[in-house]
Amino acid sequence: MKKILFSLLLMISSIQLFAQDNGVEMADKMRTDGKIYVVVTCIVIILLGLLAYLFTIDKRLKKIEKENLPKN
């Protein structure tokens, strides 16, 4: 019974997605104004910052793990 209700809920929520047709017009407007490049640049900067942060955390963890390994 739960699977059927969950399936119906997913179908009903997916029907709503077809009604959203304004997203393409907004993207076209932003592209003609040149603002889409600002948005893409901001997203790329944020993702690069997150990746750099994750790599620094990884390096620190490797250093800590190497220091705390038991010596045989």
PDB file of N, CA and C in Angstrom:
ATOM      1  N   MET A   1       0.823  -1.198   0.000  1.00  0.00           N
ATOM      2  CA  MET A   1       0.000   0.000   0.000  1.00  0.00           C
ATOM      3  C   MET A   1       0.865   1.260   0.000  1.00  0.00           C
ATOM      4  N   LYS A   2       1.956   1.213   0.773  1.00  0.00           N
ATOM      5  CA  LYS A   2       2.847   2.370   0.824  1.00  0.00           C
ATOM      6  C   LYS A   2       3.488   2.631  -0.537  1.00  0.00           C
ATOM      7  N   LYS A   3       3.845   1.559  -1.234  1.00  0.00           N
ATOM      8  CA  LYS A   3       4.479   1.724  -2.545  1.00  0.00           C
ATOM      9  C   LYS A   3       3.522   2.372  -3.537  1.00  0.00           C
ATOM     10  N   ILE A   4       2.263   2.000  -3.477  1.00  0.00           N
ATOM     11  CA  ILE A   4       1.266   2.571  -4.396  1.00  0.00           C
ATOM     12  C   ILE A   4       1.053   4.045  -4.096  1.00  0.00           C
ATOM     13  N   LEU A   5       0.941   4.387  -2.824  1.00  0.00           N
ATOM     14  CA  LEU A   5       0.767   5.795  -2.455  1.00  0.00           C
ATOM     15  C   LEU A   5       1.989   6.624  -2.839  1.00  0.00           C
ATOM     16  N   PHE A   6       3.156   6.058  -2.619  1.00  0.00           N
ATOM     17  CA  PHE A   6       4.377   6.766  -2.990  1.00  0.00           C
ATOM     18  C   PHE A   6       4.460   6.961  -4.501  1.00  0.00           C
ATOM     19  N   SER A   7       4.082   5.955  -5.268  1.00  0.00           N
ATOM     20  CA  SER A   7       4.083   6.067  -6.729  1.00  0.00           C
ATOM     21  C   SER A   7       3.094   7.124  -7.201  1.00  0.00           C
ATOM     22  N   LEU A   8       1.909   7.155  -6.610  1.00  0.00           N
ATOM     23  CA  LEU A   8       0.919   8.172  -6.976  1.00  0.00           C
ATOM     24  C   LEU A   8       1.417   9.568  -6.635  1.00  0.00           C
ATOM     25  N   LEU A   9       2.052   9.704  -5.490  1.00  0.00           N
ATOM     26  CA  LEU A   9       2.586  11.004  -5.090  1.00  0.00           C
ATOM     27  C   LEU A   9       3.646  11.482  -6.068  1.00  0.00           C
ATOM     28  N   LEU A  10       4.527  10.570  -6.489  1.00  0.00           N
ATOM     29  CA  LEU A  10       5.555  10.933  -7.463  1.00  0.00           C
ATOM     30  C   LEU A  10       4.951  11.314  -8.812  1.00  0.00           C
ATOM     31  N   MET A  11       3.908  10.603  -9.242  1.00  0.00           N
ATOM     32  CA  MET A  11       3.263  10.932 -10.519  1.00  0.00           C
ATOM     33  C   MET A  11       2.592  12.295 -10.453  1.00  0.00           C
ATOM     34  N   ILE A  12       1.945  12.580  -9.346  1.00  0.00           N
ATOM     35  CA  ILE A  12       1.276  13.875  -9.199  1.00  0.00           C
ATOM     36  C   ILE A  12       2.303  15.006  -9.171  1.00  0.00           C
ATOM     37  N   SER A  13       3.418  14.791  -8.494  1.00  0.00           N
ATOM     38  CA  SER A  13       4.436  15.836  -8.446  1.00  0.00           C
ATOM     39  C   SER A  13       5.110  16.028  -9.797  1.00  0.00           C
ATOM     40  N   SER A  14       5.217  14.969 -10.603  1.00  0.00           N
ATOM     41  CA  SER A  14       5.839  15.118 -11.917  1.00  0.00           C
ATOM     42  C   SER A  14       4.919  15.838 -12.899  1.00  0.00           C
ATOM     43  N   ILE A  15       3.617  15.758 -12.711  1.00  0.00           N
ATOM     44  CA  ILE A  15       2.680  16.481 -13.575  1.00  0.00           C
ATOM     45  C   ILE A  15       2.884  17.972 -13.425  1.00  0.00           C
ATOM     46  N   GLN A  16       3.189  18.401 -12.222  1.00  0.00           N
ATOM     47  CA  GLN A  16       3.408  19.817 -11.967  1.00  0.00           C
ATOM     48  C   GLN A  16       4.630  20.346 -12.718  1.00  0.00           C
ATOM     49  N   LEU A  17       5.611  19.501 -12.964  1.00  0.00           N
ATOM     50  CA  LEU A  17       6.814  19.932 -13.652  1.00  0.00           C
ATOM     51  C   LEU A  17       6.552  20.332 -15.092  1.00  0.00           C
ATOM     52  N   PHE A  18       5.568  19.733 -15.727  1.00  0.00           N
ATOM     53  CA  PHE A  18       5.263  20.077 -17.110  1.00  0.00           C
ATOM     54  C   PHE A  18       4.666  21.473 -17.229  1.00  0.00           C
ATOM     55  N   ALA A  19       4.075  21.987 -16.172  1.00  0.00           N
ATOM     56  CA  ALA A  19       3.443  23.295 -16.217  1.00  0.00           C
ATOM     57  C   ALA A  19       4.454  24.425 -16.123  1.00  0.00           C
ATOM     58  N   GLN A  20       5.682  24.142 -15.747  1.00  0.00           N
ATOM     59  CA  GLN A  20       6.685  25.194 -15.577  1.00  0.00           C
ATOM     60  C   GLN A  20       7.362  25.464 -16.920  1.00  0.00           C
ATOM     61  N   ASP A  21       6.795  26.363 -17.679  1.00  0.00           N
ATOM     62  CA  ASP A  21       7.326  26.690 -18.993  1.00  0.00           C
ATOM     63  C   ASP A  21       8.054  28.028 -18.993  1.00  0.00           C
ATOM     64  N   ASN A  22       8.008  28.767 -17.884  1.00  0.00           N
ATOM     65  CA  ASN A  22       8.611  30.093 -17.817  1.00  0.00           C
ATOM     66  C   ASN A  22      10.113  30.049 -17.649  1.00  0.00           C
ATOM     67  N   GLY A  23      10.683  28.936 -17.246  1.00  0.00           N
ATOM     68  CA  GLY A  23      12.112  28.838 -17.010  1.00  0.00           C
ATOM     69  C   GLY A  23      12.929  29.083 -18.265  1.00  0.00           C
ATOM     70  N   VAL A  24      12.456  28.612 -19.396  1.00  0.00           N
ATOM     71  CA  VAL A  24      13.184  28.790 -20.643  1.00  0.00           C
ATOM     72  C   VAL A  24      13.173  30.252 -21.059  1.00  0.00           C
ATOM     73  N   GLU A  25      12.034  30.912 -20.888  1.00  0.00           N
ATOM     74  CA  GLU A  25      11.953  32.330 -21.244  1.00  0.00           C
ATOM     75  C   GLU A  25      12.871  33.161 -20.371  1.00  0.00           C
ATOM     76  N   MET A  26      12.950  32.817 -19.083  1.00  0.00           N
ATOM     77  CA  MET A  26      13.813  33.552 -18.179  1.00  0.00           C
ATOM     78  C   MET A  26      15.276  33.363 -18.578  1.00  0.00           C
ATOM     79  N   ALA A  27      15.655  32.143 -18.945  1.00  0.00           N
ATOM     80  CA  ALA A  27      17.030  31.885 -19.364  1.00  0.00           C
ATOM     81  C   ALA A  27      17.347  32.631 -20.655  1.00  0.00           C
ATOM     82  N   ASP A  28      16.403  32.671 -21.581  1.00  0.00           N
ATOM     83  CA  ASP A  28      16.621  33.418 -22.825  1.00  0.00           C
ATOM     84  C   ASP A  28      16.790  34.905 -22.556  1.00  0.00           C
ATOM     85  N   LYS A  29      15.977  35.445 -21.654  1.00  0.00           N
ATOM     86  CA  LYS A  29      16.077  36.871 -21.304  1.00  0.00           C
ATOM     87  C   LYS A  29      17.422  37.165 -20.665  1.00  0.00           C
ATOM     88  N   MET A  30      17.854  36.297 -19.756  1.00  0.00           N
ATOM     89  CA  MET A  30      19.150  36.510 -19.103  1.00  0.00           C
ATOM     90  C   MET A  30      20.294  36.374 -20.098  1.00  0.00           C
ATOM     91  N   ARG A  31      20.143  35.470 -21.066  1.00  0.00           N
ATOM     92  CA  ARG A  31      21.187  35.287 -22.067  1.00  0.00           C
ATOM     93  C   ARG A  31      21.287  36.516 -22.968  1.00  0.00           C
ATOM     94  N   THR A  32      20.144  37.086 -23.353  1.00  0.00           N
ATOM     95  CA  THR A  32      20.189  38.267 -24.218  1.00  0.00           C
ATOM     96  C   THR A  32      20.719  39.475 -23.462  1.00  0.00           C
ATOM     97  N   ASP A  33      20.456  39.552 -22.159  1.00  0.00           N
ATOM     98  CA  ASP A  33      20.975  40.666 -21.362  1.00  0.00           C
ATOM     99  C   ASP A  33      22.439  40.473 -20.982  1.00  0.00           C
ATOM    100  N   GLY A  34      22.958  39.264 -21.147  1.00  0.00           N
ATOM    101  CA  GLY A  34      24.334  38.974 -20.773  1.00  0.00           C
ATOM    102  C   GLY A  34      24.487  38.622 -19.302  1.00  0.00           C
ATOM    103  N   LYS A  35      23.402  38.512 -18.580  1.00  0.00           N
ATOM    104  CA  LYS A  35      23.472  38.219 -17.143  1.00  0.00           C
ATOM    105  C   LYS A  35      23.722  36.743 -16.871  1.00  0.00           C
ATOM    106  N   ILE A  36      23.428  35.890 -17.824  1.00  0.00           N
ATOM    107  CA  ILE A  36      23.611  34.455 -17.615  1.00  0.00           C
ATOM    108  C   ILE A  36      25.083  34.132 -17.392  1.00  0.00           C
ATOM    109  N   TYR A  37      25.968  34.910 -18.010  1.00  0.00           N
ATOM    110  CA  TYR A  37      27.398  34.676 -17.841  1.00  0.00           C
ATOM    111  C   TYR A  37      27.842  35.031 -16.428  1.00  0.00           C
ATOM    112  N   VAL A  38      27.214  36.016 -15.830  1.00  0.00           N
ATOM    113  CA  VAL A  38      27.514  36.373 -14.447  1.00  0.00           C
ATOM    114  C   VAL A  38      27.080  35.241 -13.520  1.00  0.00           C
ATOM    115  N   VAL A  39      25.915  34.687 -13.776  1.00  0.00           N
ATOM    116  CA  VAL A  39      25.405  33.588 -12.955  1.00  0.00           C
ATOM    117  C   VAL A  39      26.320  32.373 -13.083  1.00  0.00           C
ATOM    118  N   VAL A  40      26.692  32.029 -14.305  1.00  0.00           N
ATOM    119  CA  VAL A  40      27.566  30.873 -14.528  1.00  0.00           C
ATOM    120  C   VAL A  40      28.924  31.098 -13.882  1.00  0.00           C
ATOM    121  N   THR A  41      29.453  32.307 -13.984  1.00  0.00           N
ATOM    122  CA  THR A  41      30.741  32.623 -13.369  1.00  0.00           C
ATOM    123  C   THR A  41      30.674  32.482 -11.852  1.00  0.00           C
ATOM    124  N   CYS A  42      29.603  32.960 -11.247  1.00  0.00           N
ATOM    125  CA  CYS A  42      29.439  32.828  -9.793  1.00  0.00           C
ATOM    126  C   CYS A  42      29.355  31.370  -9.375  1.00  0.00           C
ATOM    127  N   ILE A  43      28.621  30.575 -10.126  1.00  0.00           N
ATOM    128  CA  ILE A  43      28.499  29.154  -9.801  1.00  0.00           C
ATOM    129  C   ILE A  43      29.850  28.454  -9.919  1.00  0.00           C
ATOM    130  N   VAL A  44      30.605  28.780 -10.962  1.00  0.00           N
ATOM    131  CA  VAL A  44      31.915  28.154 -11.146  1.00  0.00           C
ATOM    132  C   VAL A  44      32.862  28.553 -10.018  1.00  0.00           C
ATOM    133  N   ILE A  45      32.842  29.824  -9.612  1.00  0.00           N
ATOM    134  CA  ILE A  45      33.708  30.286  -8.521  1.00  0.00           C
ATOM    135  C   ILE A  45      33.355  29.570  -7.219  1.00  0.00           C
ATOM    136  N   ILE A  46      32.068  29.433  -6.940  1.00  0.00           N
ATOM    137  CA  ILE A  46      31.635  28.751  -5.719  1.00  0.00           C
ATOM    138  C   ILE A  46      32.071  27.290  -5.743  1.00  0.00           C
ATOM    139  N   LEU A  47      31.882  26.605  -6.877  1.00  0.00           N
ATOM    140  CA  LEU A  47      32.278  25.198  -6.970  1.00  0.00           C
ATOM    141  C   LEU A  47      33.790  25.022  -6.852  1.00  0.00           C
ATOM    142  N   LEU A  48      34.558  25.917  -7.464  1.00  0.00           N
ATOM    143  CA  LEU A  48      36.015  25.835  -7.345  1.00  0.00           C
ATOM    144  C   LEU A  48      36.454  26.060  -5.905  1.00  0.00           C
ATOM    145  N   GLY A  49      35.804  26.989  -5.215  1.00  0.00           N
ATOM    146  CA  GLY A  49      36.114  27.220  -3.805  1.00  0.00           C
ATOM    147  C   GLY A  49      35.814  26.007  -2.950  1.00  0.00           C
ATOM    148  N   LEU A  50      34.669  25.361  -3.204  1.00  0.00           N
ATOM    149  CA  LEU A  50      34.323  24.151  -2.460  1.00  0.00           C
ATOM    150  C   LEU A  50      35.313  23.029  -2.733  1.00  0.00           C
ATOM    151  N   LEU A  51      35.702  22.866  -3.990  1.00  0.00           N
ATOM    152  CA  LEU A  51      36.678  21.822  -4.325  1.00  0.00           C
ATOM    153  C   LEU A  51      38.029  22.086  -3.664  1.00  0.00           C
ATOM    154  N   ALA A  52      38.478  23.334  -3.682  1.00  0.00           N
ATOM    155  CA  ALA A  52      39.748  23.678  -3.032  1.00  0.00           C
ATOM    156  C   ALA A  52      39.666  23.402  -1.540  1.00  0.00           C
ATOM    157  N   TYR A  53      38.554  23.741  -0.920  1.00  0.00           N
ATOM    158  CA  TYR A  53      38.360  23.496   0.511  1.00  0.00           C
ATOM    159  C   TYR A  53      38.389  21.999   0.804  1.00  0.00           C
ATOM    160  N   LEU A  54      37.719  21.200  -0.024  1.00  0.00           N
ATOM    161  CA  LEU A  54      37.714  19.753   0.183  1.00  0.00           C
ATOM    162  C   LEU A  54      39.106  19.152   0.024  1.00  0.00           C
ATOM    163  N   PHE A  55      39.888  19.635  -0.936  1.00  0.00           N
ATOM    164  CA  PHE A  55      41.235  19.111  -1.116  1.00  0.00           C
ATOM    165  C   PHE A  55      42.135  19.486   0.055  1.00  0.00           C
ATOM    166  N   THR A  56      41.984  20.694   0.600  1.00  0.00           N
ATOM    167  CA  THR A  56      42.803  21.063   1.757  1.00  0.00           C
ATOM    168  C   THR A  56      42.423  20.222   2.981  1.00  0.00           C
ATOM    169  N   ILE A  57      41.142  19.965   3.157  1.00  0.00           N
ATOM    170  CA  ILE A  57      40.720  19.099   4.262  1.00  0.00           C
ATOM    171  C   ILE A  57      41.286  17.696   4.071  1.00  0.00           C
ATOM    172  N   ASP A  58      41.271  17.195   2.837  1.00  0.00           N
ATOM    173  CA  ASP A  58      41.804  15.871   2.560  1.00  0.00           C
ATOM    174  C   ASP A  58      43.296  15.811   2.876  1.00  0.00           C
ATOM    175  N   LYS A  59      44.048  16.830   2.497  1.00  0.00           N
ATOM    176  CA  LYS A  59      45.481  16.859   2.787  1.00  0.00           C
ATOM    177  C   LYS A  59      45.731  16.883   4.289  1.00  0.00           C
ATOM    178  N   ARG A  60      44.943  17.676   5.025  1.00  0.00           N
ATOM    179  CA  ARG A  60      45.104  17.737   6.479  1.00  0.00           C
ATOM    180  C   ARG A  60      44.794  16.388   7.118  1.00  0.00           C
ATOM    181  N   LEU A  61      43.728  15.736   6.653  1.00  0.00           N
ATOM    182  CA  LEU A  61      43.368  14.431   7.210  1.00  0.00           C
ATOM    183  C   LEU A  61      44.446  13.385   6.932  1.00  0.00           C
ATOM    184  N   LYS A  62      44.992  13.406   5.747  1.00  0.00           N
ATOM    185  CA  LYS A  62      46.069  12.463   5.433  1.00  0.00           C
ATOM    186  C   LYS A  62      47.276  12.698   6.326  1.00  0.00           C
ATOM    187  N   LYS A  63      47.594  13.962   6.590  1.00  0.00           N
ATOM    188  CA  LYS A  63      48.715  14.296   7.456  1.00  0.00           C
ATOM    189  C   LYS A  63      48.451  13.805   8.878  1.00  0.00           C
ATOM    190  N   ILE A  64      47.246  14.026   9.380  1.00  0.00           N
ATOM    191  CA  ILE A  64      46.891  13.587  10.733  1.00  0.00           C
ATOM    192  C   ILE A  64      46.900  12.070  10.819  1.00  0.00           C
ATOM    193  N   GLU A  65      46.378  11.403   9.793  1.00  0.00           N
ATOM    194  CA  GLU A  65      46.370   9.943   9.785  1.00  0.00           C
ATOM    195  C   GLU A  65      47.796   9.388   9.763  1.00  0.00           C
ATOM    196  N   LYS A  66      48.666  10.022   9.003  1.00  0.00           N
ATOM    197  CA  LYS A  66      50.037   9.563   8.913  1.00  0.00           C
ATOM    198  C   LYS A  66      50.755   9.727  10.258  1.00  0.00           C
ATOM    199  N   GLU A  67      50.458  10.825  10.980  1.00  0.00           N
ATOM    200  CA  GLU A  67      51.081  11.060  12.281  1.00  0.00           C
ATOM    201  C   GLU A  67      50.576  10.068  13.334  1.00  0.00           C
ATOM    202  N   ASN A  68      49.343   9.645  13.244  1.00  0.00           N
ATOM    203  CA  ASN A  68      48.736   8.811  14.271  1.00  0.00           C
ATOM    204  C   ASN A  68      48.788   7.318  13.971  1.00  0.00           C
ATOM    205  N   LEU A  69      49.429   6.925  12.892  1.00  0.00           N
ATOM    206  CA  LEU A  69      49.551   5.496  12.605  1.00  0.00           C
ATOM    207  C   LEU A  69      50.443   4.822  13.639  1.00  0.00           C
ATOM    208  N   PRO A  70      50.023   3.668  14.109  1.00  0.00           N
ATOM    209  CA  PRO A  70      50.881   2.947  15.066  1.00  0.00           C
ATOM    210  C   PRO A  70      52.131   2.430  14.372  1.00  0.00           C
ATOM    211  N   LYS A  71      53.257   2.614  15.036  1.00  0.00           N
ATOM    212  CA  LYS A  71      54.530   2.159  14.464  1.00  0.00           C
ATOM    213  C   LYS A  71      54.743   0.707  14.823  1.00  0.00           C
ATOM    214  N   ASN A  72      55.069  -0.115  13.827  1.00  0.00           N
ATOM    215  CA  ASN A  72      55.251  -1.557  14.053  1.00  0.00           C
ATOM    216  C   ASN A  72      56.675  -1.849  14.438  1.00  0.00           C
TER     217      ASN A  72
END
